[in-house]
Amino acid sequence: MLSPMQQTAATATDIWNDSAAVDELVKATKFTAAGPLVEARTRELLNGLARSLQSRGIDANAYLQLTGQ
């Protein structure tokens, strides 16, 4: 059984890997987007991340520290 800190680190790693995969896909498209649509989607993604962390009982500040952001 993992300690709470190990669980937090494992979850943060999973989220980080998912995020990195999306970043690579975006880079591969060589598409540049800008404007209100991008800003709205960015807000959606950040809110989704915050909800995901909260549902797992992970403090957002702890997540950012663990991921070096």
C-alpha atoms as a PDB file:
ATOM      1  CA  MET A   1       0.000   0.000   0.000  1.00  0.00           C
ATOM      2  CA  LEU A   2       1.280   3.451  -0.909  1.00  0.00           C
ATOM      3  CA  SER A   3       1.566   6.275   1.576  1.00  0.00           C
ATOM      4  CA  PRO A   4      -0.545   9.389   0.896  1.00  0.00           C
ATOM      5  CA  MET A   5       2.554  11.219  -0.358  1.00  0.00           C
ATOM      6  CA  GLN A   6       3.435   8.332  -2.694  1.00  0.00           C
ATOM      7  CA  GLN A   7      -0.140   8.301  -3.992  1.00  0.00           C
ATOM      8  CA  THR A   8       0.035  12.042  -4.599  1.00  0.00           C
ATOM      9  CA  ALA A   9       3.343  11.687  -6.425  1.00  0.00           C
ATOM     10  CA  ALA A  10       2.016   8.799  -8.550  1.00  0.00           C
ATOM     11  CA  THR A  11      -1.114  10.746  -9.478  1.00  0.00           C
ATOM     12  CA  ALA A  12       0.906  13.854 -10.268  1.00  0.00           C
ATOM     13  CA  THR A  13       3.176  11.766 -12.485  1.00  0.00           C
ATOM     14  CA  ASP A  14       0.171  10.341 -14.350  1.00  0.00           C
ATOM     15  CA  ILE A  15      -1.281  13.815 -14.905  1.00  0.00           C
ATOM     16  CA  TRP A  16       2.129  15.160 -15.943  1.00  0.00           C
ATOM     17  CA  ASN A  17       2.598  12.335 -18.477  1.00  0.00           C
ATOM     18  CA  ASP A  18      -0.853  12.950 -19.952  1.00  0.00           C
ATOM     19  CA  SER A  19      -0.069  16.644 -20.253  1.00  0.00           C
ATOM     20  CA  ALA A  20       3.300  15.935 -21.883  1.00  0.00           C
ATOM     21  CA  ALA A  21       1.653  13.632 -24.428  1.00  0.00           C
ATOM     22  CA  VAL A  22      -0.850  16.353 -25.368  1.00  0.00           C
ATOM     23  CA  ASP A  23       1.993  18.876 -25.668  1.00  0.00           C
ATOM     24  CA  GLU A  24       3.819  16.582 -28.099  1.00  0.00           C
ATOM     25  CA  LEU A  25       0.693  16.108 -30.200  1.00  0.00           C
ATOM     26  CA  VAL A  26       0.208  19.866 -30.413  1.00  0.00           C
ATOM     27  CA  LYS A  27       3.839  20.346 -31.464  1.00  0.00           C
ATOM     28  CA  ALA A  28       3.466  17.686 -34.159  1.00  0.00           C
ATOM     29  CA  THR A  29       0.528  19.512 -35.750  1.00  0.00           C
ATOM     30  CA  LYS A  30       2.601  22.655 -36.366  1.00  0.00           C
ATOM     31  CA  PHE A  31      -0.601  24.641 -35.916  1.00  0.00           C
ATOM     32  CA  THR A  32      -0.623  28.034 -34.236  1.00  0.00           C
ATOM     33  CA  ALA A  33      -3.808  29.098 -32.524  1.00  0.00           C
ATOM     34  CA  ALA A  34      -4.665  32.352 -30.814  1.00  0.00           C
ATOM     35  CA  GLY A  35      -7.566  34.438 -29.633  1.00  0.00           C
ATOM     36  CA  PRO A  36     -10.612  34.093 -27.420  1.00  0.00           C
ATOM     37  CA  LEU A  37     -11.236  30.461 -28.330  1.00  0.00           C
ATOM     38  CA  VAL A  38      -7.756  29.484 -27.137  1.00  0.00           C
ATOM     39  CA  GLU A  39      -8.185  31.486 -23.947  1.00  0.00           C
ATOM     40  CA  ALA A  40     -11.529  29.801 -23.227  1.00  0.00           C
ATOM     41  CA  ARG A  41     -10.082  26.338 -23.853  1.00  0.00           C
ATOM     42  CA  THR A  42      -7.093  27.108 -21.632  1.00  0.00           C
ATOM     43  CA  ARG A  43      -9.461  28.089 -18.822  1.00  0.00           C
ATOM     44  CA  GLU A  44     -11.431  24.857 -19.353  1.00  0.00           C
ATOM     45  CA  LEU A  45      -8.255  22.769 -19.156  1.00  0.00           C
ATOM     46  CA  LEU A  46      -7.008  24.522 -16.026  1.00  0.00           C
ATOM     47  CA  ASN A  47     -10.390  24.163 -14.346  1.00  0.00           C
ATOM     48  CA  GLY A  48     -10.445  20.484 -15.314  1.00  0.00           C
ATOM     49  CA  LEU A  49      -7.000  19.975 -13.825  1.00  0.00           C
ATOM     50  CA  ALA A  50      -8.057  21.727 -10.623  1.00  0.00           C
ATOM     51  CA  ARG A  51     -11.190  19.539 -10.357  1.00  0.00           C
ATOM     52  CA  SER A  52      -9.164  16.409 -11.064  1.00  0.00           C
ATOM     53  CA  LEU A  53      -6.640  17.248  -8.363  1.00  0.00           C
ATOM     54  CA  GLN A  54      -9.359  18.166  -5.880  1.00  0.00           C
ATOM     55  CA  SER A  55     -11.281  14.924  -6.523  1.00  0.00           C
ATOM     56  CA  ARG A  56      -8.099  12.990  -5.746  1.00  0.00           C
ATOM     57  CA  GLY A  57      -7.498  14.994  -2.579  1.00  0.00           C
ATOM     58  CA  ILE A  58      -4.360  16.630  -3.948  1.00  0.00           C
ATOM     59  CA  ASP A  59      -3.551  20.213  -3.087  1.00  0.00           C
ATOM     60  CA  ALA A  60      -2.884  22.230  -6.248  1.00  0.00           C
ATOM     61  CA  ASN A  61       0.179  23.883  -4.678  1.00  0.00           C
ATOM     62  CA  ALA A  62       1.594  20.466  -3.743  1.00  0.00           C
ATOM     63  CA  TYR A  63       1.024  19.276  -7.318  1.00  0.00           C
ATOM     64  CA  LEU A  64       2.807  22.305  -8.743  1.00  0.00           C
ATOM     65  CA  GLN A  65       5.725  21.763  -6.361  1.00  0.00           C
ATOM     66  CA  LEU A  66       5.977  18.064  -7.260  1.00  0.00           C
ATOM     67  CA  THR A  67       5.950  18.828 -10.961  1.00  0.00           C
ATOM     68  CA  GLY A  68       8.382  21.741 -10.655  1.00  0.00           C
ATOM     69  CA  GLN A  69       5.969  24.311 -12.016  1.00  0.00           C
END
